[in-house]
Each structure stands twice: as structure tokens, then as C-alpha cells.
C-alpha atoms as a PDB file:
ATOM      1  CA  MET A   1       0.000   0.000   0.000  1.00  0.00           C
ATOM      2  CA  THR A   2       1.486   3.332  -1.073  1.00  0.00           C
ATOM      3  CA  ARG A   3       0.113   6.272   0.872  1.00  0.00           C
ATOM      4  CA  PRO A   4       1.208   9.635  -0.578  1.00  0.00           C
ATOM      5  CA  ARG A   5       3.357  11.964   1.494  1.00  0.00           C
ATOM      6  CA  LEU A   6       1.379  14.961   2.701  1.00  0.00           C
ATOM      7  CA  THR A   7       2.918  18.410   3.091  1.00  0.00           C
ATOM      8  CA  CYS A   8       0.753  21.162   4.565  1.00  0.00           C
ATOM      9  CA  LEU A   9       1.715  24.347   2.713  1.00  0.00           C
ATOM     10  CA  MET A  10       0.185  27.595   3.923  1.00  0.00           C
ATOM     11  CA  ALA A  11       0.766  31.344   3.916  1.00  0.00           C
ATOM     12  CA  GLY A  12      -0.124  33.274   7.036  1.00  0.00           C
ATOM     13  CA  SER A  13       0.223  36.501   8.959  1.00  0.00           C
ATOM     14  CA  LEU A  14       2.226  36.811  12.171  1.00  0.00           C
ATOM     15  CA  ASP A  15      -0.963  36.266  14.148  1.00  0.00           C
ATOM     16  CA  GLY A  16      -1.771  33.061  12.288  1.00  0.00           C
ATOM     17  CA  ARG A  17      -4.546  34.220   9.973  1.00  0.00           C
ATOM     18  CA  LEU A  18      -4.957  33.040   6.402  1.00  0.00           C
ATOM     19  CA  HIS A  19      -6.942  35.707   4.505  1.00  0.00           C
ATOM     20  CA  PRO A  20      -4.414  37.998   2.742  1.00  0.00           C
ATOM     21  CA  SER A  21      -7.105  40.563   1.932  1.00  0.00           C
ATOM     22  CA  ARG A  22      -7.190  41.447   5.645  1.00  0.00           C
ATOM     23  CA  TRP A  23      -3.442  41.690   6.224  1.00  0.00           C
ATOM     24  CA  THR A  24      -1.584  44.912   6.936  1.00  0.00           C
ATOM     25  CA  ASP A  25       0.980  46.117   4.418  1.00  0.00           C
ATOM     26  CA  SER A  26       4.677  46.458   5.149  1.00  0.00           C
ATOM     27  CA  PRO A  27       7.412  48.766   3.824  1.00  0.00           C
ATOM     28  CA  ASP A  28       8.862  45.556   2.357  1.00  0.00           C
ATOM     29  CA  GLY A  29       5.794  44.396   0.468  1.00  0.00           C
ATOM     30  CA  THR A  30       2.086  43.604   0.248  1.00  0.00           C
ATOM     31  CA  ALA A  31      -0.162  40.545   0.316  1.00  0.00           C
ATOM     32  CA  THR A  32       0.299  40.186  -3.444  1.00  0.00           C
ATOM     33  CA  ASP A  33       4.049  39.799  -2.985  1.00  0.00           C
ATOM     34  CA  TRP A  34       3.716  37.236  -0.190  1.00  0.00           C
ATOM     35  CA  THR A  35       1.071  35.129  -1.891  1.00  0.00           C
ATOM     36  CA  GLY A  36       3.225  35.233  -5.021  1.00  0.00           C
ATOM     37  CA  ALA A  37       6.097  33.737  -3.008  1.00  0.00           C
ATOM     38  CA  TYR A  38       3.731  31.061  -1.727  1.00  0.00           C
ATOM     39  CA  GLU A  39       2.617  30.176  -5.258  1.00  0.00           C
ATOM     40  CA  ALA A  40       6.239  29.904  -6.388  1.00  0.00           C
ATOM     41  CA  ILE A  41       6.940  27.395  -3.599  1.00  0.00           C
ATOM     42  CA  HIS A  42       3.784  25.470  -4.530  1.00  0.00           C
ATOM     43  CA  ASP A  43       5.022  25.180  -8.111  1.00  0.00           C
ATOM     44  CA  ARG A  44       8.552  24.270  -7.038  1.00  0.00           C
ATOM     45  CA  TYR A  45       7.301  21.210  -5.150  1.00  0.00           C
ATOM     46  CA  SER A  46       5.841  19.743  -8.387  1.00  0.00           C
ATOM     47  CA  ALA A  47       3.476  17.655  -6.260  1.00  0.00           C
ATOM     48  CA  ASP A  48       0.908  15.260  -7.689  1.00  0.00           C
ATOM     49  CA  GLY A  49      -1.952  17.413  -6.444  1.00  0.00           C
ATOM     50  CA  TRP A  50      -3.346  19.752  -3.817  1.00  0.00           C
ATOM     51  CA  ILE A  51      -6.119  19.385  -1.244  1.00  0.00           C
ATOM     52  CA  VAL A  52      -8.552  22.064  -0.051  1.00  0.00           C
ATOM     53  CA  GLY A  53     -11.900  22.175   1.713  1.00  0.00           C
ATOM     54  CA  ARG A  54     -15.344  22.786   0.295  1.00  0.00           C
ATOM     55  CA  VAL A  55     -15.430  26.537   0.931  1.00  0.00           C
ATOM     56  CA  THR A  56     -12.089  27.126  -0.775  1.00  0.00           C
ATOM     57  CA  MET A  57     -12.980  24.908  -3.729  1.00  0.00           C
ATOM     58  CA  ALA A  58     -16.392  26.583  -4.155  1.00  0.00           C
ATOM     59  CA  GLU A  59     -14.608  29.859  -4.909  1.00  0.00           C
ATOM     60  CA  MET A  60     -12.991  28.158  -7.904  1.00  0.00           C
ATOM     61  CA  ALA A  61     -15.592  25.622  -9.052  1.00  0.00           C
ATOM     62  CA  LYS A  62     -18.506  28.066  -9.481  1.00  0.00           C
ATOM     63  CA  GLY A  63     -20.901  25.427 -10.811  1.00  0.00           C
ATOM     64  CA  THR A  64     -24.633  25.059 -10.181  1.00  0.00           C
ATOM     65  CA  PRO A  65     -26.618  21.841  -9.571  1.00  0.00           C
ATOM     66  CA  HIS A  66     -27.296  19.920 -12.784  1.00  0.00           C
ATOM     67  CA  PRO A  67     -28.129  16.297 -11.917  1.00  0.00           C
ATOM     68  CA  PRO A  68     -28.740  14.035 -14.928  1.00  0.00           C
ATOM     69  CA  ALA A  69     -32.300  13.075 -15.761  1.00  0.00           C
ATOM     70  CA  ASP A  70     -31.469   9.405 -15.228  1.00  0.00           C
ATOM     71  CA  ALA A  71     -28.838   8.979 -12.515  1.00  0.00           C
ATOM     72  CA  GLY A  72     -28.852   5.199 -12.734  1.00  0.00           C
ATOM     73  CA  THR A  73     -26.652   3.510 -10.155  1.00  0.00           C
ATOM     74  CA  PRO A  74     -23.293   5.304 -10.026  1.00  0.00           C
ATOM     75  CA  LEU A  75     -20.150   3.579  -8.881  1.00  0.00           C
ATOM     76  CA  ARG A  76     -19.335   3.464  -5.161  1.00  0.00           C
ATOM     77  CA  PRO A  77     -17.033   3.999  -3.381  1.00  0.00           C
ATOM     78  CA  ILE A  78     -14.753   5.244  -6.162  1.00  0.00           C
ATOM     79  CA  HIS A  79     -14.982   6.580  -9.701  1.00  0.00           C
ATOM     80  CA  VAL A  80     -11.709   7.186 -11.555  1.00  0.00           C
ATOM     81  CA  ALA A  81     -12.194   9.439 -14.545  1.00  0.00           C
ATOM     82  CA  ARG A  82      -8.452  10.099 -14.921  1.00  0.00           C
ATOM     83  CA  ASP A  83      -5.618   8.228 -13.231  1.00  0.00           C
ATOM     84  CA  HIS A  84      -2.741  10.676 -13.616  1.00  0.00           C
ATOM     85  CA  GLY A  85      -2.134  14.012 -11.977  1.00  0.00           C
ATOM     86  CA  PRO A  86      -1.818  16.715 -11.155  1.00  0.00           C
ATOM     87  CA  TYR A  87      -5.023  16.669  -9.123  1.00  0.00           C
ATOM     88  CA  ALA A  88      -7.251  19.328  -7.559  1.00  0.00           C
ATOM     89  CA  ILE A  89      -8.717  17.492  -4.559  1.00  0.00           C
ATOM     90  CA  ALA A  90     -11.620  18.794  -2.472  1.00  0.00           C
ATOM     91  CA  LEU A  91     -13.219  17.575   0.750  1.00  0.00           C
ATOM     92  CA  ASP A  92     -16.973  17.893   0.292  1.00  0.00           C
ATOM     93  CA  ARG A  93     -18.640  15.701   2.870  1.00  0.00           C
ATOM     94  CA  GLY A  94     -22.200  16.711   2.037  1.00  0.00           C
ATOM     95  CA  GLY A  95     -21.925  16.820  -1.753  1.00  0.00           C
ATOM     96  CA  LYS A  96     -22.467  20.562  -2.153  1.00  0.00           C
ATOM     97  CA  LEU A  97     -19.832  21.321  -4.780  1.00  0.00           C
ATOM     98  CA  HIS A  98     -20.746  21.582  -8.449  1.00  0.00           C
ATOM     99  CA  PHE A  99     -18.354  21.934 -11.359  1.00  0.00           C
ATOM    100  CA  THR A 100     -18.385  23.316 -14.872  1.00  0.00           C
ATOM    101  CA  ALA A 101     -15.488  21.146 -16.063  1.00  0.00           C
ATOM    102  CA  SER A 102     -13.366  18.197 -14.976  1.00  0.00           C
ATOM    103  CA  GLU A 103     -10.250  20.339 -14.518  1.00  0.00           C
ATOM    104  CA  LEU A 104      -9.152  23.452 -12.655  1.00  0.00           C
ATOM    105  CA  HIS A 105      -6.138  25.206 -14.157  1.00  0.00           C
ATOM    106  CA  GLY A 106      -5.304  21.936 -15.911  1.00  0.00           C
ATOM    107  CA  ASP A 107      -5.499  19.840 -12.719  1.00  0.00           C
ATOM    108  CA  HIS A 108      -8.013  16.982 -12.679  1.00  0.00           C
ATOM    109  CA  VAL A 109     -10.742  17.335 -10.046  1.00  0.00           C
ATOM    110  CA  VAL A 110     -11.168  14.609  -7.414  1.00  0.00           C
ATOM    111  CA  VAL A 111     -13.831  15.001  -4.706  1.00  0.00           C
ATOM    112  CA  LEU A 112     -13.764  13.252  -1.313  1.00  0.00           C
ATOM    113  CA  LEU A 113     -17.372  12.760  -0.169  1.00  0.00           C
ATOM    114  CA  GLY A 114     -19.247  11.473   2.856  1.00  0.00           C
ATOM    115  CA  PRO A 115     -21.130   8.164   2.841  1.00  0.00           C
ATOM    116  CA  ASP A 116     -24.567   9.800   2.689  1.00  0.00           C
ATOM    117  CA  VAL A 117     -23.992  11.575  -0.632  1.00  0.00           C
ATOM    118  CA  SER A 118     -26.835  10.952  -3.079  1.00  0.00           C
ATOM    119  CA  ASP A 119     -26.657   8.882  -6.260  1.00  0.00           C
ATOM    120  CA  GLU A 120     -27.837  11.956  -8.170  1.00  0.00           C
ATOM    121  CA  HIS A 121     -24.819  13.961  -7.056  1.00  0.00           C
ATOM    122  CA  LEU A 122     -22.405  11.143  -7.873  1.00  0.00           C
ATOM    123  CA  ALA A 123     -23.956  10.823 -11.320  1.00  0.00           C
ATOM    124  CA  GLU A 124     -23.555  14.573 -11.831  1.00  0.00           C
ATOM    125  CA  LEU A 125     -19.865  14.404 -10.948  1.00  0.00           C
ATOM    126  CA  ALA A 126     -19.277  11.384 -13.183  1.00  0.00           C
ATOM    127  CA  GLY A 127     -21.126  13.084 -16.028  1.00  0.00           C
ATOM    128  CA  ASP A 128     -18.833  16.079 -15.687  1.00  0.00           C
ATOM    129  CA  GLY A 129     -15.771  13.847 -15.899  1.00  0.00           C
ATOM    130  CA  VAL A 130     -14.917  14.436 -12.239  1.00  0.00           C
ATOM    131  CA  SER A 131     -13.406  11.625 -10.157  1.00  0.00           C
ATOM    132  CA  TYR A 132     -14.641  10.925  -6.634  1.00  0.00           C
ATOM    133  CA  ILE A 133     -14.106   8.805  -3.542  1.00  0.00           C
ATOM    134  CA  VAL A 134     -16.999   8.110  -1.158  1.00  0.00           C
ATOM    135  CA  CYS A 135     -15.290   7.913   2.234  1.00  0.00           C
ATOM    136  CA  GLU A 136     -16.383   5.910   5.244  1.00  0.00           C
ATOM    137  CA  GLU A 137     -16.952   7.549   8.619  1.00  0.00           C
ATOM    138  CA  ARG A 138     -14.102   7.284  11.119  1.00  0.00           C
ATOM    139  CA  ASP A 139     -14.294   8.683  14.672  1.00  0.00           C
ATOM    140  CA  GLY A 140     -16.937  11.228  13.770  1.00  0.00           C
ATOM    141  CA  GLY A 141     -15.206  12.358  10.570  1.00  0.00           C
ATOM    142  CA  LEU A 142     -14.313  11.119   7.126  1.00  0.00           C
ATOM    143  CA  GLY A 143     -11.851   8.252   6.772  1.00  0.00           C
ATOM    144  CA  LEU A 144      -8.987  10.439   5.580  1.00  0.00           C
ATOM    145  CA  ALA A 145      -6.305   7.751   5.851  1.00  0.00           C
ATOM    146  CA  GLU A 146      -8.293   5.404   3.618  1.00  0.00           C
ATOM    147  CA  ALA A 147      -8.899   8.235   1.145  1.00  0.00           C
ATOM    148  CA  LEU A 148      -5.165   8.950   0.961  1.00  0.00           C
ATOM    149  CA  ASP A 149      -4.484   5.243   0.405  1.00  0.00           C
ATOM    150  CA  LEU A 150      -6.889   5.227  -2.546  1.00  0.00           C
ATOM    151  CA  LEU A 151      -5.325   8.399  -3.944  1.00  0.00           C
ATOM    152  CA  GLY A 152      -2.047   6.499  -3.930  1.00  0.00           C
ATOM    153  CA  GLU A 153      -3.323   3.162  -5.198  1.00  0.00           C
ATOM    154  CA  ARG A 154      -5.852   4.248  -7.830  1.00  0.00           C
ATOM    155  CA  PHE A 155      -4.625   7.692  -8.807  1.00  0.00           C
ATOM    156  CA  GLY A 156      -0.872   7.193  -8.522  1.00  0.00           C
ATOM    157  CA  ALA A 157      -0.364  10.135  -6.145  1.00  0.00           C
ATOM    158  CA  ARG A 158       2.971  10.077  -4.303  1.00  0.00           C
ATOM    159  CA  HIS A 159       3.157  13.601  -2.854  1.00  0.00           C
ATOM    160  CA  LEU A 160       0.219  15.911  -2.149  1.00  0.00           C
ATOM    161  CA  LEU A 161       0.036  19.458  -0.804  1.00  0.00           C
ATOM    162  CA  LEU A 162      -2.551  20.202   1.870  1.00  0.00           C
ATOM    163  CA  GLU A 163      -3.564  23.838   1.426  1.00  0.00           C
ATOM    164  CA  GLY A 164      -6.455  24.464   3.815  1.00  0.00           C
ATOM    165  CA  GLY A 165      -8.650  26.052   5.082  1.00  0.00           C
ATOM    166  CA  GLY A 166      -7.994  25.736   8.720  1.00  0.00           C
ATOM    167  CA  GLY A 167     -10.555  23.035   9.482  1.00  0.00           C
ATOM    168  CA  VAL A 168      -9.267  20.740   6.744  1.00  0.00           C
ATOM    169  CA  ASN A 169      -5.683  21.257   7.896  1.00  0.00           C
ATOM    170  CA  GLY A 170      -6.709  20.495  11.464  1.00  0.00           C
ATOM    171  CA  SER A 171      -8.484  17.290  10.467  1.00  0.00           C
ATOM    172  CA  PHE A 172      -5.478  15.858   8.630  1.00  0.00           C
ATOM    173  CA  LEU A 173      -3.087  16.910  11.411  1.00  0.00           C
ATOM    174  CA  ALA A 174      -5.296  15.381  14.112  1.00  0.00           C
ATOM    175  CA  ALA A 175      -5.392  12.139  12.119  1.00  0.00           C
ATOM    176  CA  GLY A 176      -1.576  11.999  12.048  1.00  0.00           C
ATOM    177  CA  LEU A 177      -1.386  12.152   8.256  1.00  0.00           C
ATOM    178  CA  VAL A 178       0.790  15.249   7.697  1.00  0.00           C
ATOM    179  CA  GLU A 179       4.535  14.628   7.352  1.00  0.00           C
ATOM    180  CA  GLN A 180       5.723  18.208   6.843  1.00  0.00           C
ATOM    181  CA  PHE A 181       4.321  21.653   7.601  1.00  0.00           C
ATOM    182  CA  ASP A 182       5.517  24.585   5.494  1.00  0.00           C
ATOM    183  CA  LEU A 183       4.544  28.154   6.275  1.00  0.00           C
ATOM    184  CA  VAL A 184       5.228  31.282   4.267  1.00  0.00           C
ATOM    185  CA  LEU A 185       5.198  33.766   7.141  1.00  0.00           C
ATOM    186  CA  ALA A 186       4.321  37.269   6.014  1.00  0.00           C
ATOM    187  CA  PRO A 187       5.399  40.409   7.931  1.00  0.00           C
ATOM    188  CA  ALA A 188       1.762  41.333   8.404  1.00  0.00           C
ATOM    189  CA  LEU A 189      -1.014  41.289  10.974  1.00  0.00           C
ATOM    190  CA  ASP A 190      -4.724  40.628  10.710  1.00  0.00           C
ATOM    191  CA  GLY A 191      -5.855  41.570  14.190  1.00  0.00           C
ATOM    192  CA  GLY A 192      -9.396  40.297  13.681  1.00  0.00           C
ATOM    193  CA  ASP A 193     -11.219  37.027  14.161  1.00  0.00           C
ATOM    194  CA  SER A 194     -10.848  35.661  10.628  1.00  0.00           C
ATOM    195  CA  ARG A 195     -10.018  32.020   9.972  1.00  0.00           C
ATOM    196  CA  ALA A 196      -6.805  30.592  11.363  1.00  0.00           C
ATOM    197  CA  ILE A 197      -4.228  28.534   9.473  1.00  0.00           C
ATOM    198  CA  VAL A 198      -5.141  25.458  11.536  1.00  0.00           C
ATOM    199  CA  GLU A 199      -8.419  24.874  13.381  1.00  0.00           C
ATOM    200  CA  ALA A 200      -9.090  21.669  15.285  1.00  0.00           C
ATOM    201  CA  GLY A 201     -12.137  22.522  17.411  1.00  0.00           C
ATOM    202  CA  ASP A 202     -12.305  22.505  21.187  1.00  0.00           C
ATOM    203  CA  ALA A 203     -10.082  19.429  21.408  1.00  0.00           C
ATOM    204  CA  GLY A 204      -7.188  21.228  19.731  1.00  0.00           C
ATOM    205  CA  LEU A 205      -3.981  19.427  18.773  1.00  0.00           C
ATOM    206  CA  LYS A 206      -2.062  19.447  22.053  1.00  0.00           C
ATOM    207  CA  GLY A 207      -0.704  15.962  22.696  1.00  0.00           C
ATOM    208  CA  LYS A 208      -1.391  14.879  19.113  1.00  0.00           C
ATOM    209  CA  VAL A 209       1.431  16.334  17.005  1.00  0.00           C
ATOM    210  CA  SER A 210       4.981  17.544  17.480  1.00  0.00           C
ATOM    211  CA  LEU A 211       6.854  19.925  15.157  1.00  0.00           C
ATOM    212  CA  LYS A 212      10.618  19.975  14.574  1.00  0.00           C
ATOM    213  CA  LEU A 213      12.209  22.820  12.622  1.00  0.00           C
ATOM    214  CA  ILE A 214      14.089  21.505   9.582  1.00  0.00           C
ATOM    215  CA  GLY A 215      14.703  24.689   7.606  1.00  0.00           C
ATOM    216  CA  VAL A 216      14.217  28.435   7.273  1.00  0.00           C
ATOM    217  CA  ASP A 217      14.617  30.480   4.090  1.00  0.00           C
ATOM    218  CA  GLN A 218      14.463  34.261   3.973  1.00  0.00           C
ATOM    219  CA  LEU A 219      12.283  35.311   1.034  1.00  0.00           C
ATOM    220  CA  ASP A 220      11.884  38.617  -0.734  1.00  0.00           C
ATOM    221  CA  HIS A 221       9.566  41.288   0.684  1.00  0.00           C
ATOM    222  CA  GLY A 222      10.339  40.422   4.301  1.00  0.00           C
ATOM    223  CA  ALA A 223       8.729  36.968   4.331  1.00  0.00           C
ATOM    224  CA  LEU A 224      10.121  33.695   5.686  1.00  0.00           C
ATOM    225  CA  HIS A 225       9.638  30.131   4.496  1.00  0.00           C
ATOM    226  CA  LEU A 226       9.511  27.912   7.594  1.00  0.00           C
ATOM    227  CA  ARG A 227       9.673  24.125   7.275  1.00  0.00           C
ATOM    228  CA  TYR A 228       8.823  21.672  10.041  1.00  0.00           C
ATOM    229  CA  ALA A 229       8.805  17.892  10.235  1.00  0.00           C
ATOM    230  CA  VAL A 230       5.555  16.667  11.788  1.00  0.00           C
ATOM    231  CA  ALA A 231       5.363  13.635  14.040  1.00  0.00           C
ATOM    232  CA  ALA A 232       2.791  12.178  16.373  1.00  0.00           C
ATOM    233  CA  ALA A 233       3.421  13.673  19.815  1.00  0.00           C
ATOM    234  CA  GLN A 234       4.117  10.269  21.394  1.00  0.00           C
ATOM    235  CA  ASP A 235       6.827   9.649  18.774  1.00  0.00           C
ATOM    236  CA  ALA A 236       8.709  12.865  19.532  1.00  0.00           C
ATOM    237  CA  VAL A 237      12.056  12.559  21.257  1.00  0.00           C
END
């Protein structure tokens, strides 16, 4: 079984917020400069795909519901429309995302869904040429480990970038599936209550993960690229 390596790659302000539109400017640069540095690192990794949550993907997908007249009996738990990357992967437990094409920026769309998703929605995705995995429930959430295994086995993914939002990042970290955490740290502040880079609910992540610094690069415009190895807390020395 070949589970892909998972690197969480995020850009954030000094106070840990992820919406660049809210960040303060600096004499060294602006949010455009810092997100540009982030995108350059994303490209440099040449990963097999990237993973985001439903809200983030909805900003790009922009489709409307269009279920086929005859849904038939779509394949479960997996439909592979294309078996080579790069992939644009979305967590959409309730089946709320709709697409206008099978690709985003040339990356093939794969949707990770909850077990209660309807046949009509699966048929819509298949009709659009979108791949999907219907995940089982595990400990009150989706079976993320099993989904990663299938992304490796059936889609050939070997390295994926986890790129938020905060709740999605928190879920993968809590499940012990992230091997490396990269942060492009901008010299900026948010100061409000916008979404954080990692959100794991009331339980948090204390006692679940341990981070070890493995590298720091100074970027242009006053930003830093921080790299951490991630391990389960009980495995930390």
C-alpha cells in the first residue's frame, strides 16, 4: 500500500490568519508579494496534487446543480475518470460542490465525499468527468487515511500538498497524516477574528502532534519560508 506523502503548505500573517485581503501592508511588500512567493513554492514542489476544503474549492468551481435526468446507479465507493495528476482534490462531505469542467487550471478534479452523498450527485460528478471517492466515517469524521491510500493506489499520487482552510488542515493533522508543515510567514497582521491557518475545534492538537524545525529560508519582501517535520506527539524525542 502506497500512501502519498502529505505536506501542509500555507501562507499566514504573524498572528496566524490566512486571509491575505485582511493583512496589513509592510514597507517591504504587500499581500500580493507574499502570496506570489507562496505560489512559487507550490510550483517548485511539483506535487501530484493539492487538497482544499469545500469553501475554498467553491470559490474556484462556481458550478450550479445539474443532476442528470437518469442517474442510474453510479459507482461506489470510487470513480476514476483520470488516473494521472496533477489533481485538484476537495473535501466535500455533504456533496455541495458543483463543477463546470473536470479540470481546474489543468489539474483533474477529485472530490472526497461522505457516505450519505446521493446517487444523483455522484452521477452529476461522473457526467462532468470528475473523479470521486466516497469515504467511510471514522471517529466522527471522514476516513482520511483510507482516502489517501486510494489516492495512492488508484490515482498514482505520491506527494500531495494540503492547502487548507484551517478546518481541513486540522483534520489531517489530528489524524496523524501530515509529514511536513511549510509556512510562508508574512510580515503582516490581521488583528481580527478571521479564519486561522489550523483549526481543530475545542479538542485542539495538544498531545497529538509535534513539530521539529528543519529549515528556514528568507524570502523577498520580508517573508520567511519555515519548514517543520511533523510527528505524532508520542513519537517525539
